[in-house]
Amino acid sequence: MSDYQLPIDVWEKIFTRFPQVEHVKIESSGGGLNIIVTAGRAKFRKTVEELNKDLFMERDPCEVASLVLKEYPAFDCYRNTLLGYFDIIGYSNYLCEMGMKKVTEKMKVIMVGIKNAAKANLGKLKIDPLIWSDSIIVVLDTNRHSLCPETVKWFFSGCSEVMRIAMKAFVPLRGAIGGGDFYKEGEIVVSTALVDAVHYEKQQEWLGAVLTPKAVEVLRSAGIADLSSNDFDGFIRFGKIPWKNEEETDWYYVKPYMMPPDPDWVKKYLPPYFDIVKGAKKIANSHRLYGEP
């Protein structure tokens, strides 16, 4: 059988993996699948020939199934997902000082690295990166597979890698991981997870990224209660979160991945456009992320 031809029973197993698919049945003739989505709201048929034709174009059977299912209302958004939102600190000053051309060239190089680090599309794991001007968004596709330790681990590692790459490229970030739903079609984005993440991103006083209470709630509802386990070691820490109201609370935050502590991180990584005086508190509070083990 060709690499781009799968038997009907394999297609059955692939569609069954999707959490919103209620039932998949092979027709008695063996030529097609009857698929029921989310409590019978949508019922449709796909032939093995149609699926293998799409596979020849896409190469990834899980992506073929995902594209097929997105034609139906039950798959119009990611439900109960995690979304990482990161804001480039001091971006407007950088743009004013350097000009459009230089900033555009620099951002292209940086964002290619970030996109490659955050993007994942393999089996039940799919992470979508979005880049808008001074904002970076990564969201976990819970239509492909509902939250589980494996997908959550790779999502956290992607967020952690985003922070490392950006800082080493002289682009300091502040962010948050939110929980909720996410819808995107073309230029339209509607997301409770994004609103949640943006709200908490703005409240912090450092160059770090906190997990929101809603994100932790979504994780716990999926049966992932222990964020201090070895599954997330190196990506997630529990400790003091500095807030703009000058309070600190103990909570979960993202640790930049594989970034050795460096006492001279301020000189090495903060860009010239960063206001050292106004950003003094952010720098002091961020030492635990970049200057300490």
Protein backbone atom coordinates (compact mmCIF):
# COMPACT_ATOMS: atom_id res chain seq x y z
CA MET A 1 0.00 0.00 0.00
CA SER A 2 1.26 3.51 -0.83
CA ASP A 3 2.52 5.79 1.97
CA TYR A 4 -0.46 8.00 1.12
CA GLN A 5 -3.06 5.23 1.22
CA LEU A 6 -4.52 4.06 4.53
CA PRO A 7 -7.04 1.24 5.03
CA ILE A 8 -10.51 2.10 6.28
CA ASP A 9 -9.93 0.59 9.75
CA VAL A 10 -6.97 2.92 10.34
CA TRP A 11 -9.10 5.92 9.35
CA GLU A 12 -11.73 4.71 11.81
CA LYS A 13 -9.19 4.76 14.64
CA ILE A 14 -7.94 8.22 13.66
CA PHE A 15 -11.40 9.79 13.76
CA THR A 16 -12.21 8.03 17.03
CA ARG A 17 -9.32 9.87 18.72
CA PHE A 18 -11.07 13.22 18.43
CA PRO A 19 -12.93 13.99 21.69
CA GLN A 20 -15.96 15.52 19.95
CA VAL A 21 -16.56 12.48 17.74
CA GLU A 22 -19.21 10.35 19.41
CA HIS A 23 -19.25 7.37 17.07
CA VAL A 24 -17.48 6.06 13.96
CA LYS A 25 -18.74 3.05 12.01
CA ILE A 26 -17.31 1.34 8.93
CA GLU A 27 -19.95 0.66 6.28
CA SER A 28 -20.65 -2.99 5.51
CA SER A 29 -19.21 -2.46 2.03
CA GLY A 30 -15.95 -1.27 3.56
CA GLY A 31 -15.88 1.76 1.30
CA GLY A 32 -16.67 4.52 3.76
CA LEU A 33 -17.10 5.78 7.29
CA ASN A 34 -20.25 7.04 8.97
CA ILE A 35 -19.25 9.61 11.62
CA ILE A 36 -21.44 11.11 14.34
CA VAL A 37 -20.19 14.28 16.03
CA THR A 38 -21.15 15.48 19.53
CA ALA A 39 -24.40 13.84 20.58
CA GLY A 40 -25.70 13.46 17.05
CA ARG A 41 -25.60 17.16 16.15
CA ALA A 42 -23.79 16.31 12.93
CA LYS A 43 -23.71 13.04 10.98
CA PHE A 44 -21.74 12.64 7.79
CA ARG A 45 -20.05 10.13 5.52
CA LYS A 46 -16.57 10.01 4.05
CA THR A 47 -15.24 7.42 1.63
CA VAL A 48 -11.81 5.93 1.99
CA GLU A 49 -10.98 7.22 -1.50
CA GLU A 50 -11.79 10.81 -0.47
CA LEU A 51 -9.70 10.54 2.67
CA ASN A 52 -6.70 9.03 0.89
CA LYS A 53 -6.91 11.69 -1.80
CA ASP A 54 -6.69 14.37 0.90
CA LEU A 55 -3.88 12.45 2.58
CA PHE A 56 -1.84 12.60 -0.63
CA MET A 57 -2.06 16.43 -0.43
CA GLU A 58 -1.65 16.90 3.35
CA ARG A 59 0.69 13.97 4.20
CA ASP A 60 -0.61 13.94 7.82
CA PRO A 61 -3.71 11.74 8.45
CA CYS A 62 -4.59 13.55 11.71
CA GLU A 63 -4.57 16.87 9.88
CA VAL A 64 -6.81 15.40 7.16
CA ALA A 65 -9.31 14.30 9.80
CA SER A 66 -9.08 17.67 11.53
CA LEU A 67 -9.79 19.58 8.31
CA VAL A 68 -12.76 17.31 7.56
CA LEU A 69 -14.24 17.85 11.02
CA LYS A 70 -13.77 21.62 10.92
CA GLU A 71 -16.50 21.76 8.28
CA TYR A 72 -19.01 20.98 11.03
CA PRO A 73 -20.31 23.34 13.77
CA ALA A 74 -19.17 21.20 16.67
CA PHE A 75 -15.57 21.92 15.65
CA ASP A 76 -15.86 25.67 15.19
CA CYS A 77 -13.58 26.39 18.17
CA TYR A 78 -11.18 24.86 20.66
CA ARG A 79 -13.07 24.16 23.91
CA ASN A 80 -11.40 24.18 27.35
CA THR A 81 -7.98 24.91 25.95
CA LEU A 82 -4.78 26.64 27.07
CA LEU A 83 -3.54 29.82 25.41
CA GLY A 84 -0.23 31.57 25.92
CA TYR A 85 -0.18 35.32 25.33
CA PHE A 86 3.15 37.23 25.29
CA ASP A 87 3.61 40.97 24.91
CA ILE A 88 6.89 42.49 23.68
CA ILE A 89 7.93 45.00 26.34
CA GLY A 90 9.06 48.41 25.05
CA TYR A 91 8.09 47.61 21.47
CA SER A 92 6.82 51.12 20.66
CA ASN A 93 10.12 52.70 21.79
CA TYR A 94 12.04 50.18 19.73
CA LEU A 95 9.96 50.96 16.67
CA CYS A 96 10.38 54.73 17.07
CA GLU A 97 14.15 54.52 17.54
CA MET A 98 15.01 51.92 14.90
CA GLY A 99 12.41 52.60 12.20
CA MET A 100 10.07 50.30 10.30
CA LYS A 101 12.60 48.71 7.98
CA LYS A 102 15.11 47.57 10.61
CA VAL A 103 12.43 46.43 13.01
CA THR A 104 10.65 44.48 10.26
CA GLU A 105 13.86 42.68 9.30
CA LYS A 106 14.69 41.91 12.92
CA MET A 107 11.19 40.72 13.75
CA LYS A 108 11.13 38.36 10.76
CA VAL A 109 14.24 36.60 11.99
CA ILE A 110 13.08 36.46 15.61
CA MET A 111 9.55 35.38 14.86
CA VAL A 112 10.64 32.56 12.54
CA GLY A 113 12.56 31.10 15.46
CA ILE A 114 9.65 31.56 17.83
CA LYS A 115 7.17 30.08 15.38
CA ASN A 116 9.34 27.02 14.83
CA ALA A 117 9.74 26.58 18.58
CA ALA A 118 6.04 26.90 19.40
CA LYS A 119 4.50 25.11 16.44
CA ALA A 120 3.76 21.41 16.80
CA ASN A 121 1.64 19.10 14.65
CA LEU A 122 2.14 15.43 15.36
CA GLY A 123 -0.50 12.83 16.12
CA LYS A 124 -2.75 14.01 18.91
CA LEU A 125 -0.63 17.11 19.51
CA LYS A 126 -1.24 20.35 17.62
CA ILE A 127 -0.17 23.82 18.77
CA ASP A 128 -1.04 26.89 16.71
CA PRO A 129 1.21 29.99 16.86
CA LEU A 130 -0.13 33.45 15.94
CA ILE A 131 2.01 36.59 15.72
CA TRP A 132 0.39 40.05 15.70
CA SER A 133 2.71 43.07 15.79
CA ASP A 134 3.95 43.14 19.41
CA SER A 135 2.00 40.08 20.57
CA ILE A 136 2.73 36.36 20.34
CA ILE A 137 -0.02 33.80 20.88
CA VAL A 138 0.24 30.02 21.12
CA VAL A 139 -2.89 27.90 21.56
CA LEU A 140 -3.41 24.17 22.05
CA ASP A 141 -5.83 22.45 19.64
CA THR A 142 -8.26 20.56 21.88
CA ASN A 143 -10.25 19.39 18.87
CA ARG A 144 -7.29 17.22 17.89
CA HIS A 145 -7.11 15.80 21.41
CA SER A 146 -8.45 16.90 24.78
CA LEU A 147 -5.97 18.03 27.42
CA CYS A 148 -3.72 15.28 28.74
CA PRO A 149 -0.27 15.25 30.42
CA GLU A 150 1.49 14.64 27.09
CA THR A 151 -0.11 17.53 25.16
CA VAL A 152 0.09 19.89 28.14
CA LYS A 153 3.78 19.10 28.61
CA TRP A 154 4.59 20.01 25.01
CA PHE A 155 2.47 23.15 25.22
CA PHE A 156 4.32 24.32 28.34
CA SER A 157 7.66 23.51 26.74
CA GLY A 158 6.67 25.62 23.71
CA CYS A 159 5.75 28.60 25.91
CA SER A 160 8.99 28.20 27.86
CA GLU A 161 10.99 28.07 24.64
CA VAL A 162 9.27 31.22 23.33
CA MET A 163 10.49 33.12 26.39
CA ARG A 164 14.05 31.83 26.03
CA ILE A 165 14.34 32.57 22.32
CA ALA A 166 12.88 36.05 22.67
CA MET A 167 15.13 37.08 25.56
CA LYS A 168 18.27 35.79 23.84
CA ALA A 169 17.23 37.84 20.79
CA PHE A 170 16.99 41.02 22.95
CA VAL A 171 13.18 40.98 22.91
CA PRO A 172 11.94 40.81 26.53
CA LEU A 173 8.43 39.43 27.00
CA ARG A 174 5.75 39.47 29.65
CA GLY A 175 2.86 37.06 29.35
CA ALA A 176 0.29 34.73 30.82
CA ILE A 177 -1.23 31.36 30.07
CA GLY A 178 -5.01 31.59 30.10
CA GLY A 179 -7.76 29.00 30.02
CA GLY A 180 -11.05 28.90 28.13
CA ASP A 181 -12.28 28.66 24.54
CA PHE A 182 -10.70 29.85 21.27
CA TYR A 183 -12.28 30.55 17.87
CA LYS A 184 -10.45 31.70 14.76
CA GLU A 185 -11.67 32.00 11.18
CA GLY A 186 -9.64 34.12 8.80
CA GLU A 187 -9.07 37.49 10.48
CA ILE A 188 -11.71 36.88 13.16
CA VAL A 189 -10.57 35.77 16.62
CA VAL A 190 -12.90 35.38 19.59
CA SER A 191 -11.49 33.83 22.74
CA THR A 192 -12.29 33.75 26.43
CA ALA A 193 -8.84 32.19 26.96
CA LEU A 194 -7.20 35.21 25.30
CA VAL A 195 -9.19 37.70 27.42
CA ASP A 196 -8.17 35.75 30.51
CA ALA A 197 -4.46 35.75 29.56
CA VAL A 198 -4.35 39.44 28.56
CA HIS A 199 -5.94 40.50 31.87
CA TYR A 200 -3.28 38.75 33.94
CA GLU A 201 -0.41 39.72 31.64
CA LYS A 202 -1.03 43.40 32.35
CA GLN A 203 -1.05 42.95 36.14
CA GLN A 204 2.49 41.56 36.52
CA GLU A 205 5.65 43.49 37.35
CA TRP A 206 8.40 41.42 35.78
CA LEU A 207 9.53 39.85 32.50
CA GLY A 208 7.78 36.58 33.17
CA ALA A 209 4.55 34.70 32.48
CA VAL A 210 2.02 33.51 35.03
CA LEU A 211 -0.59 30.75 34.74
CA THR A 212 -4.01 32.24 35.39
CA PRO A 213 -6.35 30.67 37.96
CA LYS A 214 -8.68 29.77 35.07
CA ALA A 215 -5.86 27.91 33.29
CA VAL A 216 -5.16 25.89 36.43
CA GLU A 217 -8.90 25.21 36.79
CA VAL A 218 -9.06 23.93 33.19
CA LEU A 219 -6.07 21.67 33.86
CA ARG A 220 -7.56 20.26 37.04
CA SER A 221 -10.89 19.60 35.34
CA ALA A 222 -8.92 17.53 32.80
CA GLY A 223 -7.41 15.49 35.63
CA ILE A 224 -4.04 17.31 35.67
CA ALA A 225 -3.74 18.47 39.26
CA ASP A 226 -0.02 18.17 40.05
CA LEU A 227 1.85 20.85 38.10
CA SER A 228 4.97 20.23 40.19
CA SER A 229 5.37 16.70 38.81
CA ASN A 230 8.36 15.61 36.75
CA ASP A 231 6.21 15.89 33.60
CA PHE A 232 6.50 19.68 33.75
CA ASP A 233 9.88 20.03 35.42
CA GLY A 234 11.98 22.68 33.69
CA PHE A 235 8.95 24.46 32.26
CA ILE A 236 6.70 25.32 35.22
CA ARG A 237 7.67 26.58 38.66
CA PHE A 238 5.73 27.49 41.80
CA GLY A 239 6.87 30.62 43.61
CA LYS A 240 6.45 34.34 44.18
CA ILE A 241 4.60 36.28 41.48
CA PRO A 242 5.26 40.06 41.58
CA TRP A 243 2.19 42.22 40.83
CA LYS A 244 1.93 45.90 39.94
CA ASN A 245 0.04 46.61 43.16
CA GLU A 246 3.35 45.70 44.88
CA GLU A 247 1.94 42.50 46.33
CA GLU A 248 3.44 39.05 45.80
CA THR A 249 1.55 35.78 45.78
CA ASP A 250 2.71 32.19 45.49
CA TRP A 251 1.52 30.70 42.23
CA TYR A 252 2.57 28.93 39.02
CA TYR A 253 4.71 30.59 36.35
CA VAL A 254 6.68 29.67 33.23
CA LYS A 255 10.41 29.12 33.55
CA PRO A 256 12.46 29.98 30.40
CA TYR A 257 13.59 26.65 29.00
CA MET A 258 17.26 25.56 29.26
CA MET A 259 18.45 29.08 30.06
CA PRO A 260 21.36 28.80 32.51
CA PRO A 261 21.26 31.38 35.31
CA ASP A 262 23.46 34.37 34.48
CA PRO A 263 24.13 37.19 36.99
CA ASP A 264 24.91 39.49 34.02
CA TRP A 265 21.67 38.75 32.15
CA VAL A 266 20.60 42.42 32.21
CA LYS A 267 23.70 43.54 30.32
CA LYS A 268 23.64 40.58 27.97
CA TYR A 269 19.98 40.41 27.01
CA LEU A 270 18.09 43.66 27.65
CA PRO A 271 18.04 45.79 24.48
CA PRO A 272 19.12 49.46 24.28
CA TYR A 273 15.52 50.62 23.91
CA PHE A 274 14.56 49.12 27.30
CA ASP A 275 14.14 51.90 29.89
CA ILE A 276 16.39 50.71 32.71
CA VAL A 277 15.17 53.37 35.15
CA LYS A 278 11.45 52.87 34.62
CA GLY A 279 11.93 49.13 34.35
CA ALA A 280 13.99 48.78 37.53
CA LYS A 281 11.29 46.83 39.38
CA LYS A 282 10.73 44.52 36.44
CA ILE A 283 14.47 43.81 36.29
CA ALA A 284 14.79 43.15 40.02
CA ASN A 285 11.76 40.85 40.03
CA SER A 286 12.97 38.99 36.94
CA HIS A 287 16.31 38.01 38.44
CA ARG A 288 14.71 34.81 39.74
CA LEU A 289 13.92 33.85 36.11
CA TYR A 290 17.21 34.67 34.37
CA GLY A 291 19.82 35.17 37.10
CA GLU A 292 19.06 32.41 39.60
CA PRO A 293 18.93 28.59 39.33
